[in-house]
Amino acid sequence: MKAYLVSLGVGLLVGVIYGLLRVKSPAPPTVALIGLFGMLGGEQLIALLRHLLR
């Protein structure tokens, strides 16, 4: 749970810094979210395969 809170906090901090500097996010929000979804899906898939092979 701590890792999720740290990740959220760092993400919010970077968002605030971007906002203050008036810098656009390096990736369109939709593209970034789809990429993150793919990463999480792949991570879960590996965990599932490891569990099934045991």
PDB file of N, CA and C in Angstrom:
ATOM      1  N   MET A   1       0.830  -1.188   0.000  1.00  0.00           N
ATOM      2  CA  MET A   1       0.000   0.000   0.000  1.00  0.00           C
ATOM      3  C   MET A   1       0.873   1.250   0.000  1.00  0.00           C
ATOM      4  N   LYS A   2       2.019   1.166   0.688  1.00  0.00           N
ATOM      5  CA  LYS A   2       2.903   2.322   0.768  1.00  0.00           C
ATOM      6  C   LYS A   2       3.399   2.734  -0.617  1.00  0.00           C
ATOM      7  N   ALA A   3       3.712   1.749  -1.459  1.00  0.00           N
ATOM      8  CA  ALA A   3       4.205   2.051  -2.807  1.00  0.00           C
ATOM      9  C   ALA A   3       3.162   2.813  -3.613  1.00  0.00           C
ATOM     10  N   TYR A   4       1.900   2.462  -3.436  1.00  0.00           N
ATOM     11  CA  TYR A   4       0.832   3.159  -4.160  1.00  0.00           C
ATOM     12  C   TYR A   4       0.726   4.615  -3.705  1.00  0.00           C
ATOM     13  N   LEU A   5       0.840   4.831  -2.420  1.00  0.00           N
ATOM     14  CA  LEU A   5       0.757   6.197  -1.896  1.00  0.00           C
ATOM     15  C   LEU A   5       1.948   7.038  -2.331  1.00  0.00           C
ATOM     16  N   VAL A   6       3.129   6.429  -2.330  1.00  0.00           N
ATOM     17  CA  VAL A   6       4.328   7.148  -2.795  1.00  0.00           C
ATOM     18  C   VAL A   6       4.185   7.492  -4.273  1.00  0.00           C
ATOM     19  N   SER A   7       3.720   6.537  -5.070  1.00  0.00           N
ATOM     20  CA  SER A   7       3.528   6.766  -6.497  1.00  0.00           C
ATOM     21  C   SER A   7       2.512   7.884  -6.747  1.00  0.00           C
ATOM     22  N   LEU A   8       1.426   7.840  -6.031  1.00  0.00           N
ATOM     23  CA  LEU A   8       0.407   8.890  -6.162  1.00  0.00           C
ATOM     24  C   LEU A   8       0.970  10.246  -5.757  1.00  0.00           C
ATOM     25  N   GLY A   9       1.691  10.276  -4.653  1.00  0.00           N
ATOM     26  CA  GLY A   9       2.270  11.542  -4.184  1.00  0.00           C
ATOM     27  C   GLY A   9       3.273  12.122  -5.162  1.00  0.00           C
ATOM     28  N   VAL A  10       4.141  11.286  -5.701  1.00  0.00           N
ATOM     29  CA  VAL A  10       5.129  11.760  -6.677  1.00  0.00           C
ATOM     30  C   VAL A  10       4.424  12.229  -7.946  1.00  0.00           C
ATOM     31  N   GLY A  11       3.430  11.493  -8.376  1.00  0.00           N
ATOM     32  CA  GLY A  11       2.670  11.899  -9.566  1.00  0.00           C
ATOM     33  C   GLY A  11       1.995  13.248  -9.374  1.00  0.00           C
ATOM     34  N   LEU A  12       1.405  13.452  -8.209  1.00  0.00           N
ATOM     35  CA  LEU A  12       0.772  14.739  -7.923  1.00  0.00           C
ATOM     36  C   LEU A  12       1.804  15.863  -7.874  1.00  0.00           C
ATOM     37  N   LEU A  13       2.943  15.585  -7.270  1.00  0.00           N
ATOM     38  CA  LEU A  13       4.008  16.592  -7.193  1.00  0.00           C
ATOM     39  C   LEU A  13       4.489  16.991  -8.585  1.00  0.00           C
ATOM     40  N   VAL A  14       4.723  16.009  -9.435  1.00  0.00           N
ATOM     41  CA  VAL A  14       5.160  16.301 -10.800  1.00  0.00           C
ATOM     42  C   VAL A  14       4.077  17.073 -11.541  1.00  0.00           C
ATOM     43  N   GLY A  15       2.815  16.706 -11.342  1.00  0.00           N
ATOM     44  CA  GLY A  15       1.713  17.436 -11.968  1.00  0.00           C
ATOM     45  C   GLY A  15       1.661  18.888 -11.532  1.00  0.00           C
ATOM     46  N   VAL A  16       1.882  19.124 -10.246  1.00  0.00           N
ATOM     47  CA  VAL A  16       1.899  20.500  -9.734  1.00  0.00           C
ATOM     48  C   VAL A  16       3.067  21.282 -10.340  1.00  0.00           C
ATOM     49  N   ILE A  17       4.232  20.651 -10.400  1.00  0.00           N
ATOM     50  CA  ILE A  17       5.405  21.324 -10.996  1.00  0.00           C
ATOM     51  C   ILE A  17       5.131  21.646 -12.460  1.00  0.00           C
ATOM     52  N   TYR A  18       4.579  20.692 -13.214  1.00  0.00           N
ATOM     53  CA  TYR A  18       4.244  20.951 -14.613  1.00  0.00           C
ATOM     54  C   TYR A  18       3.270  22.116 -14.719  1.00  0.00           C
ATOM     55  N   GLY A  19       2.276  22.128 -13.838  1.00  0.00           N
ATOM     56  CA  GLY A  19       1.286  23.207 -13.863  1.00  0.00           C
ATOM     57  C   GLY A  19       1.907  24.561 -13.571  1.00  0.00           C
ATOM     58  N   LEU A  20       2.789  24.604 -12.588  1.00  0.00           N
ATOM     59  CA  LEU A  20       3.441  25.868 -12.239  1.00  0.00           C
ATOM     60  C   LEU A  20       4.343  26.370 -13.358  1.00  0.00           C
ATOM     61  N   LEU A  21       5.005  25.449 -14.036  1.00  0.00           N
ATOM     62  CA  LEU A  21       5.898  25.820 -15.135  1.00  0.00           C
ATOM     63  C   LEU A  21       5.162  25.976 -16.466  1.00  0.00           C
ATOM     64  N   ARG A  22       3.865  25.669 -16.453  1.00  0.00           N
ATOM     65  CA  ARG A  22       3.032  25.718 -17.659  1.00  0.00           C
ATOM     66  C   ARG A  22       3.597  24.831 -18.769  1.00  0.00           C
ATOM     67  N   VAL A  23       4.043  23.640 -18.365  1.00  0.00           N
ATOM     68  CA  VAL A  23       4.587  22.660 -19.294  1.00  0.00           C
ATOM     69  C   VAL A  23       3.514  21.609 -19.545  1.00  0.00           C
ATOM     70  N   LYS A  24       3.355  21.216 -20.794  1.00  0.00           N
ATOM     71  CA  LYS A  24       2.405  20.163 -21.125  1.00  0.00           C
ATOM     72  C   LYS A  24       2.998  18.809 -20.755  1.00  0.00           C
ATOM     73  N   SER A  25       2.150  17.876 -20.420  1.00  0.00           N
ATOM     74  CA  SER A  25       2.585  16.513 -20.129  1.00  0.00           C
ATOM     75  C   SER A  25       3.290  15.954 -21.354  1.00  0.00           C
ATOM     76  N   PRO A  26       4.371  15.173 -21.173  1.00  0.00           N
ATOM     77  CA  PRO A  26       5.103  14.647 -22.333  1.00  0.00           C
ATOM     78  C   PRO A  26       4.288  13.690 -23.194  1.00  0.00           C
ATOM     79  N   ALA A  27       3.244  13.111 -22.662  1.00  0.00           N
ATOM     80  CA  ALA A  27       2.400  12.204 -23.441  1.00  0.00           C
ATOM     81  C   ALA A  27       0.946  12.609 -23.243  1.00  0.00           C
ATOM     82  N   PRO A  28       0.144  12.495 -24.290  1.00  0.00           N
ATOM     83  CA  PRO A  28      -1.283  12.783 -24.110  1.00  0.00           C
ATOM     84  C   PRO A  28      -1.850  11.882 -23.016  1.00  0.00           C
ATOM     85  N   PRO A  29      -2.706  12.401 -22.161  1.00  0.00           N
ATOM     86  CA  PRO A  29      -3.226  11.621 -21.028  1.00  0.00           C
ATOM     87  C   PRO A  29      -3.809  10.266 -21.428  1.00  0.00           C
ATOM     88  N   THR A  30      -4.544  10.203 -22.515  1.00  0.00           N
ATOM     89  CA  THR A  30      -5.142   8.935 -22.920  1.00  0.00           C
ATOM     90  C   THR A  30      -4.066   7.922 -23.285  1.00  0.00           C
ATOM     91  N   VAL A  31      -3.076   8.354 -24.039  1.00  0.00           N
ATOM     92  CA  VAL A  31      -1.997   7.461 -24.439  1.00  0.00           C
ATOM     93  C   VAL A  31      -1.237   6.963 -23.209  1.00  0.00           C
ATOM     94  N   ALA A  32      -0.973   7.866 -22.276  1.00  0.00           N
ATOM     95  CA  ALA A  32      -0.248   7.490 -21.063  1.00  0.00           C
ATOM     96  C   ALA A  32      -1.045   6.477 -20.240  1.00  0.00           C
ATOM     97  N   LEU A  33      -2.345   6.694 -20.104  1.00  0.00           N
ATOM     98  CA  LEU A  33      -3.171   5.775 -19.322  1.00  0.00           C
ATOM     99  C   LEU A  33      -3.266   4.403 -19.978  1.00  0.00           C
ATOM    100  N   ILE A  34      -3.366   4.375 -21.302  1.00  0.00           N
ATOM    101  CA  ILE A  34      -3.423   3.093 -22.001  1.00  0.00           C
ATOM    102  C   ILE A  34      -2.095   2.351 -21.834  1.00  0.00           C
ATOM    103  N   GLY A  35      -0.985   3.076 -21.897  1.00  0.00           N
ATOM    104  CA  GLY A  35       0.318   2.464 -21.679  1.00  0.00           C
ATOM    105  C   GLY A  35       0.454   1.893 -20.281  1.00  0.00           C
ATOM    106  N   LEU A  36       0.000   2.647 -19.293  1.00  0.00           N
ATOM    107  CA  LEU A  36       0.043   2.156 -17.912  1.00  0.00           C
ATOM    108  C   LEU A  36      -0.843   0.930 -17.737  1.00  0.00           C
ATOM    109  N   PHE A  37      -2.003   0.953 -18.375  1.00  0.00           N
ATOM    110  CA  PHE A  37      -2.909  -0.190 -18.297  1.00  0.00           C
ATOM    111  C   PHE A  37      -2.241  -1.438 -18.886  1.00  0.00           C
ATOM    112  N   GLY A  38      -1.554  -1.262 -20.007  1.00  0.00           N
ATOM    113  CA  GLY A  38      -0.838  -2.378 -20.619  1.00  0.00           C
ATOM    114  C   GLY A  38       0.263  -2.901 -19.718  1.00  0.00           C
ATOM    115  N   MET A  39       0.987  -2.000 -19.070  1.00  0.00           N
ATOM    116  CA  MET A  39       2.054  -2.415 -18.158  1.00  0.00           C
ATOM    117  C   MET A  39       1.484  -3.213 -16.992  1.00  0.00           C
ATOM    118  N   LEU A  40       0.407  -2.724 -16.408  1.00  0.00           N
ATOM    119  CA  LEU A  40      -0.216  -3.431 -15.286  1.00  0.00           C
ATOM    120  C   LEU A  40      -0.763  -4.783 -15.723  1.00  0.00           C
ATOM    121  N   GLY A  41      -1.368  -4.827 -16.903  1.00  0.00           N
ATOM    122  CA  GLY A  41      -1.901  -6.083 -17.419  1.00  0.00           C
ATOM    123  C   GLY A  41      -0.799  -7.106 -17.634  1.00  0.00           C
ATOM    124  N   GLY A  42       0.308  -6.671 -18.209  1.00  0.00           N
ATOM    125  CA  GLY A  42       1.438  -7.571 -18.428  1.00  0.00           C
ATOM    126  C   GLY A  42       2.020  -8.084 -17.124  1.00  0.00           C
ATOM    127  N   GLU A  43       2.103  -7.195 -16.149  1.00  0.00           N
ATOM    128  CA  GLU A  43       2.617  -7.578 -14.834  1.00  0.00           C
ATOM    129  C   GLU A  43       1.717  -8.632 -14.189  1.00  0.00           C
ATOM    130  N   GLN A  44       0.410  -8.441 -14.284  1.00  0.00           N
ATOM    131  CA  GLN A  44      -0.529  -9.399 -13.706  1.00  0.00           C
ATOM    132  C   GLN A  44      -0.514 -10.720 -14.473  1.00  0.00           C
ATOM    133  N   LEU A  45      -0.312 -10.637 -15.781  1.00  0.00           N
ATOM    134  CA  LEU A  45      -0.269 -11.842 -16.590  1.00  0.00           C
ATOM    135  C   LEU A  45       0.910 -12.728 -16.195  1.00  0.00           C
ATOM    136  N   ILE A  46       2.056 -12.128 -15.969  1.00  0.00           N
ATOM    137  CA  ILE A  46       3.232 -12.891 -15.540  1.00  0.00           C
ATOM    138  C   ILE A  46       2.970 -13.548 -14.185  1.00  0.00           C
ATOM    139  N   ALA A  47       2.372 -12.798 -13.261  1.00  0.00           N
ATOM    140  CA  ALA A  47       2.058 -13.353 -11.941  1.00  0.00           C
ATOM    141  C   ALA A  47       1.079 -14.524 -12.068  1.00  0.00           C
ATOM    142  N   LEU A  48       0.092 -14.394 -12.942  1.00  0.00           N
ATOM    143  CA  LEU A  48      -0.886 -15.462 -13.149  1.00  0.00           C
ATOM    144  C   LEU A  48      -0.218 -16.701 -13.741  1.00  0.00           C
ATOM    145  N   LEU A  49       0.635 -16.502 -14.736  1.00  0.00           N
ATOM    146  CA  LEU A  49       1.330 -17.644 -15.345  1.00  0.00           C
ATOM    147  C   LEU A  49       2.229 -18.353 -14.342  1.00  0.00           C
ATOM    148  N   ARG A  50       2.920 -17.603 -13.507  1.00  0.00           N
ATOM    149  CA  ARG A  50       3.766 -18.223 -12.491  1.00  0.00           C
ATOM    150  C   ARG A  50       2.942 -19.049 -11.516  1.00  0.00           C
ATOM    151  N   HIS A  51       1.780 -18.516 -11.154  1.00  0.00           N
ATOM    152  CA  HIS A  51       0.892 -19.225 -10.222  1.00  0.00           C
ATOM    153  C   HIS A  51       0.371 -20.506 -10.875  1.00  0.00           C
ATOM    154  N   LEU A  52      -0.007 -20.448 -12.141  1.00  0.00           N
ATOM    155  CA  LEU A  52      -0.544 -21.628 -12.820  1.00  0.00           C
ATOM    156  C   LEU A  52       0.500 -22.708 -13.047  1.00  0.00           C
ATOM    157  N   LEU A  53       1.759 -22.304 -13.222  1.00  0.00           N
ATOM    158  CA  LEU A  53       2.830 -23.277 -13.453  1.00  0.00           C
ATOM    159  C   LEU A  53       3.295 -23.971 -12.179  1.00  0.00           C
ATOM    160  N   ARG A  54       2.908 -23.500 -11.041  1.00  0.00           N
ATOM    161  CA  ARG A  54       3.322 -24.140  -9.773  1.00  0.00           C
ATOM    162  C   ARG A  54       2.519 -25.359  -9.470  1.00  0.00           C
TER     163      ARG A  54
END
